[in-house]
Amino acid sequence: MTFKKVLLCTDFSFESDSLVQSLYELKDLGLEEVIIFNVVEIDSAGSNAPSFQKQKKEALKADQRELEMEGFKVTIDIKIGSAAKDIVKKAEEEDVDLILIGSHGKGFIKRILLGSTTFDVVRLSKKPVLVEKYESARKEGNRLLVQDKFKKVLLPVDYSSHAMNVLEKVKGMAKIQEILLVSAIEYSQTEKELNEAKDKLEKHLGKIRMDLFNAGFSSNYIIKEGTASKNILEVAENEAVDLVILSKRGEGKIKELLIGSTATTVVTNSRVPVLIFPSMEN
């Protein structure tokens, strides 16, 4: 899969200034066009909104020039409205391949938390969303936590069509060097039931590994017991992965504009970037 056209969402916080760094990595995945996007919140700006709109557009021209020198086609758009809804709307109107956004917005918020705008964008978007994470919200330079995020990726899998859909997209990302599959057995009544579930999962994951091998990827898998989201986060930390890639939904039936509990927990609490794909029904 390639990301030729990206919507970069900035709120002029120290953190979002670092998002430009991500674009250079995405260039290896086909990135050609960047839309730098900001929303002036009408509720807080009031009658000053048009003035803020003009000032912000001027402030982003340095980033535009820098990216154009790297060969990207770059446009700047500042809207007056409501951040999350306008970001999602812009992504649809421009038919972008990816929304790039930070893990939190203005103010000092611990890096493991998600700002309300970012959460709402993930929840509402019908486009893939890459949620970046930062070393420190106040550290000078505000570097991204992971500089080479496609080196080792964690891919949670189950038996759902959503997980298989994400797997197919991952196979199209030639930049990835290593894939770690993780799956969790969340419930079993007896040891016999647990062993049967493990045998079934090992066969399933073994087939996926062979598929990845044939596609040219190095991979391995880990089977855990217990809550999926907790195990995904623990494996991500213990195995020092650089990126988690997952679908909004797994096997559960979740209403259209909600994201599954596993995805919610992982995106919110992960200490590494998360690339989340919409479920196939979206």
Foldseek 3Di string as FASTA:
>chain_A
DAFQEEEQEAPPALQSVQLLLVVVLSVLRNHAEYEDEYEAECVPCPPCSVVVQVVVLVVCVVVVVVVVVVRHHYHYDYYYHDQQVVQQVVCVVVVGQEYEYEQAHDDFDPQLARHPSVVLNLLAHQHKYKYWTFPGSPDVPGHTPFNQQQAEEEQEDDPFPQSVVQLVVNLSRPSHAEYEYEYEAADDDDPVRVVVVVVVVVVVVVVSCVVSVVSPYHYDYDYYYHDPLVVSQVCCVVVVHAEYEGEQDDDDDDDDRGGDPSVVSCSGGHNHMYIYHYGPVD
